[in-house]
Amino acid sequence: MGRIFTLEEARELLPQVQTTTEPVFHLAASLTEELSQAEEAGDEDRMTELRDRLQTLVQSWQQAMQDLEADVKGLWLVDFDSGDGYWCWAYPETSLDHWHSYEGGFRSRMPVDQRPGVQA
């Protein structure tokens, strides 16, 4: 089992998550655009190179999030284990204001002040 975070602890890490995520997101968007152009041109070598670069970029971002003891639940989606679910953040949100149960996942996320049985 990984680290359990209070909301305050997770919020303290959010600036690092955001500072790491934002430039990676923009670089990935740029690479994705280049990949689209390479696909349109039928440039197989360039497509392979760009896919490899994207994969490496995303993997490095995932590792950076894991180094913070956060869980990556999707592309640009980071969760912090609360002990009964997750404090949930998705780029480009500016704050950590959502929670969801283990079973419910992202689709069931709610404002932290509506978290069952606990005050934020």
N, C-alpha and C. Protein backbone atom coordinates (compact mmCIF):
# COMPACT_ATOMS: atom_id res chain seq x y z
N MET A 1 0.84 -1.18 0.00
CA MET A 1 0.00 0.00 0.00
C MET A 1 0.89 1.24 0.00
N GLY A 2 0.49 2.25 -0.76
CA GLY A 2 1.26 3.47 -0.87
C GLY A 2 0.94 4.45 0.26
N ARG A 3 1.46 5.62 0.10
CA ARG A 3 1.28 6.68 1.09
C ARG A 3 -0.17 7.16 1.12
N ILE A 4 -0.64 7.46 2.33
CA ILE A 4 -1.95 8.06 2.54
C ILE A 4 -1.74 9.55 2.79
N PHE A 5 -2.49 10.38 2.08
CA PHE A 5 -2.35 11.83 2.17
C PHE A 5 -3.57 12.47 2.83
N THR A 6 -3.31 13.43 3.70
CA THR A 6 -4.39 14.31 4.11
C THR A 6 -4.60 15.28 2.94
N LEU A 7 -5.71 15.98 2.95
CA LEU A 7 -5.96 16.96 1.90
C LEU A 7 -4.87 18.03 1.93
N GLU A 8 -4.49 18.47 3.10
CA GLU A 8 -3.45 19.49 3.23
C GLU A 8 -2.12 19.00 2.64
N GLU A 9 -1.73 17.76 2.93
CA GLU A 9 -0.48 17.21 2.38
C GLU A 9 -0.52 17.14 0.85
N ALA A 10 -1.65 16.70 0.33
CA ALA A 10 -1.78 16.62 -1.13
C ALA A 10 -1.72 18.01 -1.75
N ARG A 11 -2.39 18.95 -1.12
CA ARG A 11 -2.37 20.33 -1.64
C ARG A 11 -0.98 20.94 -1.57
N GLU A 12 -0.19 20.56 -0.59
CA GLU A 12 1.19 21.06 -0.50
C GLU A 12 2.04 20.57 -1.67
N LEU A 13 1.74 19.40 -2.20
CA LEU A 13 2.49 18.86 -3.33
C LEU A 13 1.99 19.37 -4.68
N LEU A 14 0.80 19.94 -4.70
CA LEU A 14 0.21 20.35 -5.97
C LEU A 14 1.09 21.32 -6.78
N PRO A 15 1.74 22.31 -6.17
CA PRO A 15 2.59 23.18 -7.00
C PRO A 15 3.68 22.41 -7.75
N GLN A 16 4.26 21.39 -7.12
CA GLN A 16 5.26 20.57 -7.82
C GLN A 16 4.62 19.79 -8.96
N VAL A 17 3.43 19.27 -8.72
CA VAL A 17 2.71 18.52 -9.77
C VAL A 17 2.43 19.46 -10.94
N GLN A 18 1.95 20.64 -10.65
CA GLN A 18 1.62 21.59 -11.72
C GLN A 18 2.87 22.06 -12.47
N THR A 19 3.93 22.37 -11.74
CA THR A 19 5.17 22.85 -12.35
C THR A 19 5.79 21.78 -13.25
N THR A 20 5.63 20.54 -12.88
CA THR A 20 6.13 19.43 -13.70
C THR A 20 5.22 19.17 -14.88
N THR A 21 3.93 19.22 -14.66
CA THR A 21 2.96 18.82 -15.68
C THR A 21 2.83 19.84 -16.81
N GLU A 22 2.77 21.11 -16.50
CA GLU A 22 2.48 22.11 -17.52
C GLU A 22 3.44 22.08 -18.71
N PRO A 23 4.76 22.14 -18.50
CA PRO A 23 5.64 22.12 -19.68
C PRO A 23 5.60 20.79 -20.43
N VAL A 24 5.42 19.71 -19.71
CA VAL A 24 5.33 18.39 -20.35
C VAL A 24 4.07 18.32 -21.21
N PHE A 25 2.97 18.84 -20.69
CA PHE A 25 1.72 18.87 -21.44
C PHE A 25 1.92 19.64 -22.75
N HIS A 26 2.53 20.82 -22.68
CA HIS A 26 2.71 21.64 -23.88
C HIS A 26 3.66 20.99 -24.88
N LEU A 27 4.71 20.36 -24.39
CA LEU A 27 5.63 19.66 -25.28
C LEU A 27 4.92 18.47 -25.94
N ALA A 28 4.12 17.74 -25.17
CA ALA A 28 3.38 16.62 -25.73
C ALA A 28 2.39 17.09 -26.79
N ALA A 29 1.74 18.22 -26.56
CA ALA A 29 0.81 18.76 -27.55
C ALA A 29 1.55 19.12 -28.84
N SER A 30 2.73 19.69 -28.70
CA SER A 30 3.53 20.05 -29.87
C SER A 30 3.97 18.80 -30.63
N LEU A 31 4.43 17.79 -29.91
CA LEU A 31 4.84 16.54 -30.55
C LEU A 31 3.66 15.85 -31.23
N THR A 32 2.49 15.94 -30.60
CA THR A 32 1.30 15.34 -31.19
C THR A 32 0.93 16.03 -32.49
N GLU A 33 1.07 17.33 -32.53
CA GLU A 33 0.82 18.08 -33.77
C GLU A 33 1.81 17.67 -34.86
N GLU A 34 3.08 17.56 -34.49
CA GLU A 34 4.09 17.10 -35.45
C GLU A 34 3.78 15.69 -35.94
N LEU A 35 3.32 14.83 -35.03
CA LEU A 35 2.97 13.47 -35.40
C LEU A 35 1.83 13.47 -36.40
N SER A 36 0.84 14.30 -36.17
CA SER A 36 -0.29 14.40 -37.09
C SER A 36 0.18 14.81 -38.48
N GLN A 37 1.09 15.76 -38.53
CA GLN A 37 1.64 16.20 -39.82
C GLN A 37 2.43 15.10 -40.49
N ALA A 38 3.21 14.35 -39.72
CA ALA A 38 3.99 13.24 -40.27
C ALA A 38 3.06 12.15 -40.79
N GLU A 39 1.95 11.91 -40.09
CA GLU A 39 0.97 10.92 -40.55
C GLU A 39 0.35 11.35 -41.86
N GLU A 40 0.00 12.63 -41.96
CA GLU A 40 -0.58 13.15 -43.20
C GLU A 40 0.40 13.03 -44.36
N ALA A 41 1.67 13.20 -44.07
CA ALA A 41 2.71 13.12 -45.10
C ALA A 41 3.14 11.67 -45.38
N GLY A 42 2.69 10.75 -44.52
CA GLY A 42 3.06 9.35 -44.69
C GLY A 42 4.52 9.09 -44.38
N ASP A 43 5.12 9.91 -43.52
CA ASP A 43 6.54 9.80 -43.16
C ASP A 43 6.69 8.81 -42.00
N GLU A 44 6.84 7.54 -42.33
CA GLU A 44 6.89 6.47 -41.33
C GLU A 44 8.04 6.64 -40.34
N ASP A 45 9.22 7.02 -40.83
CA ASP A 45 10.37 7.18 -39.95
C ASP A 45 10.12 8.29 -38.92
N ARG A 46 9.59 9.41 -39.38
CA ARG A 46 9.29 10.53 -38.48
C ARG A 46 8.18 10.15 -37.50
N MET A 47 7.19 9.41 -37.98
CA MET A 47 6.10 8.96 -37.10
C MET A 47 6.65 8.10 -35.97
N THR A 48 7.53 7.17 -36.31
CA THR A 48 8.13 6.30 -35.31
C THR A 48 8.94 7.11 -34.30
N GLU A 49 9.73 8.05 -34.79
CA GLU A 49 10.54 8.90 -33.92
C GLU A 49 9.66 9.70 -32.96
N LEU A 50 8.61 10.29 -33.48
CA LEU A 50 7.73 11.12 -32.65
C LEU A 50 6.95 10.28 -31.64
N ARG A 51 6.51 9.11 -32.04
CA ARG A 51 5.81 8.22 -31.09
C ARG A 51 6.75 7.83 -29.95
N ASP A 52 8.00 7.52 -30.30
CA ASP A 52 8.98 7.16 -29.27
C ASP A 52 9.23 8.33 -28.33
N ARG A 53 9.35 9.54 -28.88
CA ARG A 53 9.58 10.72 -28.05
C ARG A 53 8.38 10.98 -27.13
N LEU A 54 7.18 10.82 -27.66
CA LEU A 54 5.98 10.99 -26.84
C LEU A 54 5.93 9.97 -25.71
N GLN A 55 6.23 8.73 -26.03
CA GLN A 55 6.20 7.68 -25.02
C GLN A 55 7.22 7.97 -23.92
N THR A 56 8.42 8.36 -24.30
CA THR A 56 9.46 8.69 -23.33
C THR A 56 9.04 9.87 -22.46
N LEU A 57 8.46 10.88 -23.09
CA LEU A 57 8.01 12.07 -22.38
C LEU A 57 6.95 11.72 -21.34
N VAL A 58 5.95 10.96 -21.74
CA VAL A 58 4.87 10.59 -20.82
C VAL A 58 5.41 9.70 -19.70
N GLN A 59 6.29 8.78 -20.04
CA GLN A 59 6.87 7.92 -19.01
C GLN A 59 7.68 8.72 -18.00
N SER A 60 8.40 9.73 -18.46
CA SER A 60 9.18 10.55 -17.53
C SER A 60 8.25 11.36 -16.62
N TRP A 61 7.13 11.84 -17.18
CA TRP A 61 6.14 12.55 -16.36
C TRP A 61 5.54 11.60 -15.32
N GLN A 62 5.18 10.40 -15.75
CA GLN A 62 4.62 9.42 -14.82
C GLN A 62 5.60 9.13 -13.68
N GLN A 63 6.86 8.98 -14.02
CA GLN A 63 7.88 8.70 -13.00
C GLN A 63 8.01 9.87 -12.04
N ALA A 64 7.97 11.08 -12.55
CA ALA A 64 8.04 12.26 -11.69
C ALA A 64 6.87 12.28 -10.70
N MET A 65 5.68 11.91 -11.17
CA MET A 65 4.52 11.87 -10.28
C MET A 65 4.69 10.76 -9.25
N GLN A 66 5.18 9.62 -9.66
CA GLN A 66 5.41 8.52 -8.73
C GLN A 66 6.47 8.89 -7.69
N ASP A 67 7.47 9.67 -8.11
CA ASP A 67 8.48 10.13 -7.16
C ASP A 67 7.88 11.00 -6.07
N LEU A 68 6.78 11.66 -6.38
CA LEU A 68 6.05 12.46 -5.39
C LEU A 68 5.07 11.60 -4.58
N GLU A 69 5.01 10.31 -4.89
CA GLU A 69 4.12 9.33 -4.26
C GLU A 69 2.67 9.52 -4.66
N ALA A 70 2.45 10.17 -5.79
CA ALA A 70 1.11 10.34 -6.34
C ALA A 70 0.84 9.20 -7.31
N ASP A 71 -0.43 8.95 -7.56
CA ASP A 71 -0.84 7.90 -8.49
C ASP A 71 -1.27 8.55 -9.81
N VAL A 72 -0.73 8.07 -10.90
CA VAL A 72 -1.16 8.53 -12.22
C VAL A 72 -2.31 7.63 -12.65
N LYS A 73 -3.46 8.25 -12.91
CA LYS A 73 -4.65 7.49 -13.27
C LYS A 73 -5.04 7.69 -14.73
N GLY A 74 -4.31 8.51 -15.41
CA GLY A 74 -4.56 8.79 -16.82
C GLY A 74 -3.62 9.90 -17.25
N LEU A 75 -3.70 10.24 -18.50
CA LEU A 75 -2.84 11.29 -19.01
C LEU A 75 -3.22 12.62 -18.39
N TRP A 76 -2.28 13.19 -17.64
CA TRP A 76 -2.44 14.48 -16.96
C TRP A 76 -3.46 14.41 -15.83
N LEU A 77 -3.65 13.23 -15.28
CA LEU A 77 -4.60 12.99 -14.20
C LEU A 77 -3.85 12.35 -13.03
N VAL A 78 -3.86 13.03 -11.89
CA VAL A 78 -3.08 12.61 -10.74
C VAL A 78 -4.00 12.46 -9.53
N ASP A 79 -3.84 11.35 -8.82
CA ASP A 79 -4.60 11.10 -7.60
C ASP A 79 -3.65 10.93 -6.42
N PHE A 80 -4.13 11.34 -5.25
CA PHE A 80 -3.42 11.15 -4.00
C PHE A 80 -4.33 10.32 -3.11
N ASP A 81 -3.85 9.19 -2.64
CA ASP A 81 -4.65 8.27 -1.83
C ASP A 81 -5.03 8.93 -0.50
N SER A 82 -6.34 8.97 -0.23
CA SER A 82 -6.84 9.59 1.01
C SER A 82 -7.13 8.55 2.09
N GLY A 83 -6.95 7.29 1.76
CA GLY A 83 -7.27 6.23 2.72
C GLY A 83 -8.63 5.61 2.50
N ASP A 84 -9.53 6.36 1.84
CA ASP A 84 -10.85 5.82 1.51
C ASP A 84 -11.25 6.21 0.09
N GLY A 85 -10.31 6.69 -0.65
CA GLY A 85 -10.53 7.13 -2.03
C GLY A 85 -9.34 7.97 -2.45
N TYR A 86 -9.58 8.93 -3.33
CA TYR A 86 -8.48 9.74 -3.85
C TYR A 86 -8.83 11.22 -3.90
N TRP A 87 -7.87 12.05 -3.52
CA TRP A 87 -7.89 13.47 -3.85
C TRP A 87 -7.49 13.51 -5.31
N CYS A 88 -8.26 14.16 -6.14
CA CYS A 88 -8.13 14.02 -7.58
C CYS A 88 -7.83 15.37 -8.25
N TRP A 89 -6.80 15.39 -9.08
CA TRP A 89 -6.42 16.60 -9.83
C TRP A 89 -6.21 16.24 -11.29
N ALA A 90 -6.66 17.11 -12.18
CA ALA A 90 -6.46 16.94 -13.62
C ALA A 90 -5.98 18.25 -14.21
N TYR A 91 -4.97 18.18 -15.04
CA TYR A 91 -4.47 19.37 -15.72
C TYR A 91 -5.55 19.89 -16.65
N PRO A 92 -5.83 21.18 -16.66
CA PRO A 92 -5.11 22.34 -16.11
C PRO A 92 -5.74 22.93 -14.84
N GLU A 93 -6.39 22.12 -14.03
CA GLU A 93 -7.00 22.66 -12.82
C GLU A 93 -5.96 23.41 -11.99
N THR A 94 -6.42 24.47 -11.34
CA THR A 94 -5.49 25.32 -10.59
C THR A 94 -5.42 24.98 -9.11
N SER A 95 -6.31 24.10 -8.66
CA SER A 95 -6.30 23.70 -7.25
C SER A 95 -6.77 22.25 -7.12
N LEU A 96 -6.55 21.71 -5.95
CA LEU A 96 -6.95 20.34 -5.66
C LEU A 96 -8.23 20.40 -4.86
N ASP A 97 -9.36 20.24 -5.56
CA ASP A 97 -10.66 20.45 -4.94
C ASP A 97 -11.63 19.29 -5.13
N HIS A 98 -11.14 18.14 -5.58
CA HIS A 98 -12.04 17.01 -5.84
C HIS A 98 -11.55 15.74 -5.15
N TRP A 99 -12.50 14.88 -4.91
CA TRP A 99 -12.26 13.57 -4.29
C TRP A 99 -13.16 12.56 -5.00
N HIS A 100 -12.71 11.31 -5.07
CA HIS A 100 -13.59 10.22 -5.52
C HIS A 100 -13.22 8.94 -4.80
N SER A 101 -14.19 8.04 -4.73
CA SER A 101 -13.98 6.75 -4.06
C SER A 101 -13.06 5.89 -4.90
N TYR A 102 -12.55 4.83 -4.28
CA TYR A 102 -11.72 3.88 -5.02
C TYR A 102 -12.52 3.26 -6.16
N GLU A 103 -13.75 2.90 -5.88
CA GLU A 103 -14.56 2.19 -6.86
C GLU A 103 -15.12 3.12 -7.94
N GLY A 104 -15.44 4.33 -7.57
CA GLY A 104 -16.14 5.24 -8.47
C GLY A 104 -15.28 5.83 -9.57
N GLY A 105 -14.03 6.05 -9.29
CA GLY A 105 -13.14 6.62 -10.28
C GLY A 105 -13.46 8.07 -10.63
N PHE A 106 -12.77 8.56 -11.63
CA PHE A 106 -12.85 9.96 -12.04
C PHE A 106 -14.27 10.42 -12.29
N ARG A 107 -15.07 9.58 -12.91
CA ARG A 107 -16.45 9.98 -13.25
C ARG A 107 -17.30 10.27 -12.01
N SER A 108 -16.89 9.74 -10.88
CA SER A 108 -17.68 9.94 -9.66
C SER A 108 -17.10 11.03 -8.76
N ARG A 109 -16.11 11.75 -9.26
CA ARG A 109 -15.47 12.72 -8.38
C ARG A 109 -16.43 13.83 -7.99
N MET A 110 -16.18 14.38 -6.81
CA MET A 110 -17.06 15.39 -6.24
C MET A 110 -16.19 16.42 -5.53
N PRO A 111 -16.75 17.60 -5.26
CA PRO A 111 -16.00 18.58 -4.47
C PRO A 111 -15.61 18.00 -3.11
N VAL A 112 -14.43 18.35 -2.64
CA VAL A 112 -13.94 17.76 -1.38
C VAL A 112 -14.88 18.03 -0.21
N ASP A 113 -15.60 19.14 -0.24
CA ASP A 113 -16.50 19.42 0.88
C ASP A 113 -17.76 18.56 0.84
N GLN A 114 -17.92 17.77 -0.23
CA GLN A 114 -19.06 16.84 -0.32
C GLN A 114 -18.61 15.39 -0.09
N ARG A 115 -17.36 15.19 0.23
CA ARG A 115 -16.83 13.85 0.50
C ARG A 115 -17.62 13.21 1.64
N PRO A 116 -18.12 12.01 1.45
CA PRO A 116 -18.96 11.36 2.47
C PRO A 116 -18.25 11.19 3.81
N GLY A 117 -18.90 11.66 4.86
CA GLY A 117 -18.44 11.39 6.21
C GLY A 117 -17.24 12.17 6.70
N VAL A 118 -16.72 13.08 5.89
CA VAL A 118 -15.52 13.82 6.29
C VAL A 118 -15.66 15.27 5.88
N GLN A 119 -15.22 16.15 6.75
CA GLN A 119 -15.20 17.56 6.38
C GLN A 119 -13.83 17.89 5.82
N ALA A 120 -13.78 18.72 4.78
CA ALA A 120 -12.51 19.04 4.12
C ALA A 120 -11.63 19.89 4.96
